[in-house]
Protein backbone atom coordinates (compact mmCIF):
# COMPACT_ATOMS: atom_id res chain seq x y z
CA UNK A 1 102.76 93.37 104.18
CA UNK A 2 101.83 94.17 100.57
CA UNK A 3 99.89 97.30 101.51
CA UNK A 4 101.97 98.46 104.49
CA UNK A 5 102.26 102.29 104.55
CA UNK A 6 100.85 102.42 101.01
CA UNK A 7 98.40 105.26 101.86
CA UNK A 8 101.30 107.30 103.24
CA UNK A 9 103.20 106.98 99.96
CA UNK A 10 100.14 107.61 97.79
CA UNK A 11 98.76 110.60 99.71
CA UNK A 12 101.63 112.43 101.40
CA UNK A 13 104.18 114.52 99.49
CA UNK A 14 106.69 115.78 102.06
CA UNK A 15 109.44 118.23 101.13
CA UNK A 16 112.41 119.50 103.11
CA UNK A 17 113.98 122.07 100.79
CA UNK A 18 114.57 125.52 102.34
CA UNK A 19 111.73 128.05 102.05
CA UNK A 20 111.96 131.75 102.81
CA UNK A 21 109.68 132.25 105.83
CA UNK A 22 109.88 136.03 105.69
CA UNK A 23 109.17 137.63 109.04
CA UNK A 24 107.82 134.41 110.59
CA UNK A 25 109.61 133.08 113.67
CA UNK A 26 110.64 129.44 114.00
CA UNK A 27 110.18 127.35 117.09
CA UNK A 28 110.17 123.63 117.79
CA UNK A 29 108.28 121.47 120.23
CA UNK A 30 109.05 117.90 121.31
CA UNK A 31 107.03 115.19 119.61
CA UNK A 32 107.48 111.46 120.05
CA UNK A 33 111.21 110.85 119.57
CA UNK A 34 111.87 114.05 117.66
CA UNK A 35 110.36 117.50 117.22
CA UNK A 36 107.75 119.46 115.32
CA UNK A 37 108.59 122.67 113.50
CA UNK A 38 106.23 125.59 114.12
CA UNK A 39 106.25 128.95 112.32
CA UNK A 40 104.57 131.93 113.98
CA UNK A 41 103.73 135.47 112.87
CA UNK A 42 101.69 138.36 114.27
CA UNK A 43 99.49 140.84 112.47
CA UNK A 44 100.41 144.51 112.57
CA UNK A 45 97.67 145.18 115.15
CA UNK A 46 99.02 142.44 117.44
CA UNK A 47 102.53 143.86 117.17
CA UNK A 48 101.34 147.39 117.88
CA UNK A 49 99.41 146.47 121.02
CA UNK A 50 101.98 143.93 122.16
CA UNK A 51 99.63 140.96 122.32
CA UNK A 52 97.24 138.87 120.26
CA UNK A 53 93.49 138.87 120.81
CA UNK A 54 93.06 135.72 118.72
CA UNK A 55 95.38 132.79 118.01
CA UNK A 56 94.95 130.87 114.74
CA UNK A 57 96.41 127.37 114.61
CA UNK A 58 97.05 126.68 110.95
CA UNK A 59 97.21 123.26 109.27
CA UNK A 60 98.14 123.51 105.60
CA UNK A 61 97.51 121.28 102.62
CA UNK A 62 99.48 118.31 101.43
CA UNK A 63 102.67 119.15 99.50
CA UNK A 64 102.60 122.57 101.20
CA UNK A 65 104.64 123.88 104.10
CA UNK A 66 104.03 126.05 107.16
CA UNK A 67 107.19 128.12 106.58
CA UNK A 68 105.66 129.60 103.41
CA UNK A 69 102.49 131.22 104.76
CA UNK A 70 102.15 132.66 108.30
CA UNK A 71 104.00 135.93 107.60
CA UNK A 72 101.88 136.53 104.49
CA UNK A 73 98.58 135.44 106.01
CA UNK A 74 98.65 138.02 108.79
CA UNK A 75 97.45 140.54 106.19
CA UNK A 76 94.25 138.53 105.72
CA UNK A 77 92.79 139.56 109.03
CA UNK A 78 92.45 143.32 108.51
CA UNK A 79 92.70 145.15 111.82
CA UNK A 80 92.47 142.11 114.09
CA UNK A 81 95.28 141.42 116.56
CA UNK A 82 96.02 137.89 115.36
CA UNK A 83 98.91 135.51 115.97
CA UNK A 84 99.23 132.59 113.54
CA UNK A 85 100.90 129.31 114.40
CA UNK A 86 101.59 127.04 111.42
CA UNK A 87 102.63 123.44 111.97
CA UNK A 88 104.77 121.37 109.61
CA UNK A 89 103.55 117.78 109.62
CA UNK A 90 106.02 115.06 110.65
CA UNK A 91 108.50 114.59 107.81
CA UNK A 92 107.73 118.01 106.32
CA UNK A 93 110.24 120.86 106.49
CA UNK A 94 112.14 120.77 109.78
CA UNK A 95 109.73 118.38 111.52
CA UNK A 96 111.24 115.00 112.33
CA UNK A 97 110.08 112.14 110.09
CA UNK A 98 108.88 109.78 108.99
CA UNK A 99 105.88 111.27 107.19
CA UNK A 100 102.92 109.13 108.20
CA UNK A 101 99.18 109.77 108.10
CA UNK A 102 98.90 108.18 111.54
CA UNK A 103 101.22 110.84 112.99
CA UNK A 104 99.26 113.87 111.72
CA UNK A 105 96.47 113.73 114.31
CA UNK A 106 98.73 113.29 117.36
CA UNK A 107 101.08 115.99 116.05
CA UNK A 108 98.17 118.41 115.64
CA UNK A 109 96.97 117.79 119.22
CA UNK A 110 100.50 118.17 120.59
CA UNK A 111 100.86 121.53 118.83
CA UNK A 112 97.48 122.69 120.09
CA UNK A 113 98.40 121.82 123.67
CA UNK A 114 101.59 123.87 123.46
CA UNK A 115 99.73 126.81 121.92
CA UNK A 116 97.04 126.60 124.59
CA UNK A 117 99.70 126.84 127.29
CA UNK A 118 101.39 129.71 125.47
CA UNK A 119 98.10 131.62 125.15
CA UNK A 120 97.27 131.05 128.83
CA UNK A 121 100.72 132.23 129.95
CA UNK A 122 100.45 135.33 127.77
CA UNK A 123 97.04 136.16 129.21
CA UNK A 124 98.23 135.66 132.78
CA UNK A 125 101.26 137.88 132.21
CA UNK A 126 99.39 140.63 130.41
CA UNK A 127 96.41 140.73 132.75
CA UNK A 128 98.59 142.04 135.63
CA UNK A 129 95.87 141.46 138.20
CA UNK A 130 96.27 144.16 140.89
CA UNK A 131 96.56 143.38 144.59
CA UNK A 132 93.45 143.55 146.72
CA UNK A 133 89.97 142.14 146.14
CA UNK A 134 88.42 142.19 142.67
CA UNK A 135 84.85 141.49 141.56
CA UNK A 136 84.53 137.92 140.34
CA UNK A 137 83.49 139.08 136.86
CA UNK A 138 86.58 141.27 136.57
CA UNK A 139 88.80 138.43 137.77
CA UNK A 140 87.38 136.10 135.14
CA UNK A 141 88.02 138.71 132.46
CA UNK A 142 91.58 139.29 133.66
CA UNK A 143 92.32 135.58 133.58
CA UNK A 144 90.60 134.87 130.26
CA UNK A 145 92.74 133.21 127.61
CA UNK A 146 92.71 134.56 124.07
CA UNK A 147 90.57 132.25 121.88
CA UNK A 148 92.17 129.70 119.59
CA UNK A 149 90.68 129.12 116.15
CA UNK A 150 91.68 126.03 114.15
CA UNK A 151 92.16 126.68 110.42
CA UNK A 152 92.70 123.66 108.20
CA UNK A 153 93.12 123.60 104.42
CA UNK A 154 92.61 120.39 102.44
CA UNK A 155 94.27 117.57 104.42
CA UNK A 156 94.81 120.18 107.14
CA UNK A 157 91.05 120.14 107.67
CA UNK A 158 91.33 116.52 108.81
CA UNK A 159 93.90 117.60 111.43
CA UNK A 160 91.74 120.51 112.58
CA UNK A 161 88.67 118.32 112.97
CA UNK A 162 90.66 115.79 114.99
CA UNK A 163 91.80 118.52 117.39
CA UNK A 164 88.23 119.82 117.62
CA UNK A 165 87.02 116.41 118.75
CA UNK A 166 90.01 115.82 121.05
CA UNK A 167 89.80 119.25 122.76
CA UNK A 168 86.11 120.17 122.35
CA UNK A 169 85.83 122.69 125.19
CA UNK A 170 89.12 124.46 124.54
CA UNK A 171 88.72 125.78 121.01
CA UNK A 172 86.79 128.82 119.83
CA UNK A 173 85.87 127.28 116.48
CA UNK A 174 87.13 126.08 113.12
CA UNK A 175 87.74 127.32 109.60
CA UNK A 176 87.71 124.41 107.16
CA UNK A 177 88.77 124.94 103.55
CA UNK A 178 88.01 122.21 100.99
CA UNK A 179 87.79 119.36 103.54
CA UNK A 180 88.62 115.92 102.09
CA UNK A 181 86.79 112.78 103.28
CA UNK A 182 89.81 110.62 102.49
CA UNK A 183 88.22 107.17 102.68
CA UNK A 184 85.25 108.14 100.56
CA UNK A 185 87.47 109.80 97.98
CA UNK A 186 89.66 106.72 97.64
CA UNK A 187 86.69 104.37 97.33
CA UNK A 188 84.48 106.46 95.04
CA UNK A 189 87.09 108.12 92.87
CA UNK A 190 89.64 105.32 92.45
CA UNK A 191 87.86 102.08 93.36
CA UNK A 192 86.00 101.45 90.12
CA UNK A 193 89.04 100.82 87.90
CA UNK A 194 90.56 98.19 90.22
CA UNK A 195 87.26 96.65 91.36
CA UNK A 196 88.09 98.03 94.84
CA UNK A 197 90.78 95.33 95.28
CA UNK A 198 93.39 98.08 95.77
CA UNK A 199 91.20 100.99 96.87
CA UNK A 200 89.46 98.94 99.59
CA UNK A 201 92.61 97.97 101.55
CA UNK A 202 94.07 101.47 101.10
CA UNK A 203 90.88 103.14 102.36
CA UNK A 204 90.79 100.85 105.39
CA UNK A 205 94.27 102.02 106.39
CA UNK A 206 93.26 105.69 106.65
CA UNK A 207 93.56 106.50 110.38
CA UNK A 208 90.32 107.10 112.26
CA UNK A 209 91.89 110.32 113.52
CA UNK A 210 91.54 111.72 110.00
CA UNK A 211 87.96 110.63 109.30
CA UNK A 212 86.43 113.97 108.33
CA UNK A 213 82.84 112.78 108.35
CA UNK A 214 82.96 111.02 111.73
CA UNK A 215 84.77 113.94 113.33
CA UNK A 216 82.38 116.44 111.76
CA UNK A 217 79.46 114.57 113.35
CA UNK A 218 81.17 114.76 116.74
CA UNK A 219 82.16 118.45 116.66
CA UNK A 220 79.93 121.11 118.23
CA UNK A 221 82.13 124.21 117.88
CA UNK A 222 81.04 126.92 115.41
CA UNK A 223 82.65 126.43 112.02
CA UNK A 224 83.24 128.32 108.79
CA UNK A 225 83.46 126.30 105.58
CA UNK A 226 85.38 127.72 102.61
CA UNK A 227 84.47 125.74 99.50
CA UNK A 228 86.14 126.18 96.10
CA UNK A 229 83.53 125.99 93.36
CA UNK A 230 85.91 124.42 90.82
CA UNK A 231 88.04 122.33 93.16
CA UNK A 232 89.95 119.89 90.97
CA UNK A 233 91.65 118.04 93.87
CA UNK A 234 88.78 117.53 96.33
CA UNK A 235 85.74 117.62 94.08
CA UNK A 236 82.77 119.64 95.42
CA UNK A 237 80.72 116.45 95.68
CA UNK A 238 83.13 115.36 98.42
CA UNK A 239 82.83 118.71 100.23
CA UNK A 240 79.11 118.00 100.34
CA UNK A 241 79.70 114.82 102.31
CA UNK A 242 81.45 116.72 105.12
CA UNK A 243 79.43 119.95 105.41
CA UNK A 244 75.98 118.38 106.11
CA UNK A 245 77.59 115.99 108.60
CA UNK A 246 78.95 118.84 110.71
CA UNK A 247 76.97 118.93 113.97
CA UNK A 248 77.85 122.43 115.17
CA UNK A 249 76.59 125.76 113.87
CA UNK A 250 78.20 126.63 110.57
CA UNK A 251 78.55 129.25 107.91
CA UNK A 252 79.39 128.39 104.32
CA UNK A 253 81.39 130.69 102.06
CA UNK A 254 81.38 129.66 98.41
CA UNK A 255 84.61 130.56 96.63
CA UNK A 256 83.11 131.36 93.22
CA UNK A 257 85.23 130.23 90.30
CA UNK A 258 88.06 129.15 92.63
CA UNK A 259 90.22 126.07 92.23
CA UNK A 260 91.70 124.03 95.08
CA UNK A 261 94.81 126.14 95.69
CA UNK A 262 93.48 129.58 94.75
CA UNK A 263 93.99 132.30 97.40
CA UNK A 264 91.12 133.74 99.42
CA UNK A 265 90.69 137.31 98.27
CA UNK A 266 88.23 140.03 97.38
CA UNK A 267 84.63 139.53 98.47
CA UNK A 268 85.40 136.05 99.84
CA UNK A 269 88.05 137.48 102.16
CA UNK A 270 85.62 140.14 103.40
CA UNK A 271 83.04 137.41 104.01
CA UNK A 272 85.63 135.40 105.93
CA UNK A 273 86.42 138.32 108.22
CA UNK A 274 82.71 138.87 108.87
CA UNK A 275 82.26 135.17 109.58
CA UNK A 276 85.21 135.18 111.98
CA UNK A 277 83.44 137.90 113.97
CA UNK A 278 80.36 135.67 114.11
CA UNK A 279 82.47 132.68 115.18
CA UNK A 280 84.22 134.57 117.98
CA UNK A 281 80.90 135.94 119.23
CA UNK A 282 79.51 132.41 119.31
CA UNK A 283 82.59 131.16 121.13
CA UNK A 284 82.23 133.81 123.83
CA UNK A 285 78.68 132.69 124.63
CA UNK A 286 78.08 129.52 126.72
CA UNK A 287 77.80 126.27 124.75
CA UNK A 288 76.02 123.17 125.91
CA UNK A 289 78.46 120.31 126.63
């Protein structure tokens, strides 16, 4: 009773004040007894050709909101036809509360499932398979669904990893920026001053869904890690607990001189676009189960 929901109050910082979402479009999906708020935006290339070649499911950091970013982030992807879906966690923005760590993982999977159906329907509509027989290879191409890449920043990386483990054969890969191993951070960073009498019970209440290290060990999809050199929120020593644990192929992009919330720009952004090409190529080749 003493520690009930204490991690939620210590870790989560939900806000509901209005944010200008720019050109992003709002949609909602049912979740538990309420709804989740999703913000979507397409890159210029996707708008010009009338479809997206890649979907990016975006999970943002704590104290941040999905309404703020999708319209701006479409410019990150150069000439790629990208559609971004950003999810507001339960209790954040227009998503129904309460804000609970235990609800983040299920909400992330629910959003992925809706996006997967949306991407499949788009592909089926746009393929316009003609009447008459088709070669099997052409039929597979016509029915192919645009790949979905999970992109999680900070606590969003815990949501992305949970989806990767829950839907291992249905994602193209992951982009993980400054991933936080929450239990280890609580124990190692805050346990010493209270002899672990407070940190221990709090760490034990972190949902297994959000265990970055365990989920990293279970994920086989190709991944890109974006690591801020001067991260003051999730210290680099904690990044180094997650990256070596990741079981799938990975590329690491060091964000030189960057702090936790600094934007990805310049050479790092060019490296990210190159790495995304590698990830999508890997996703299109067969993977062992």
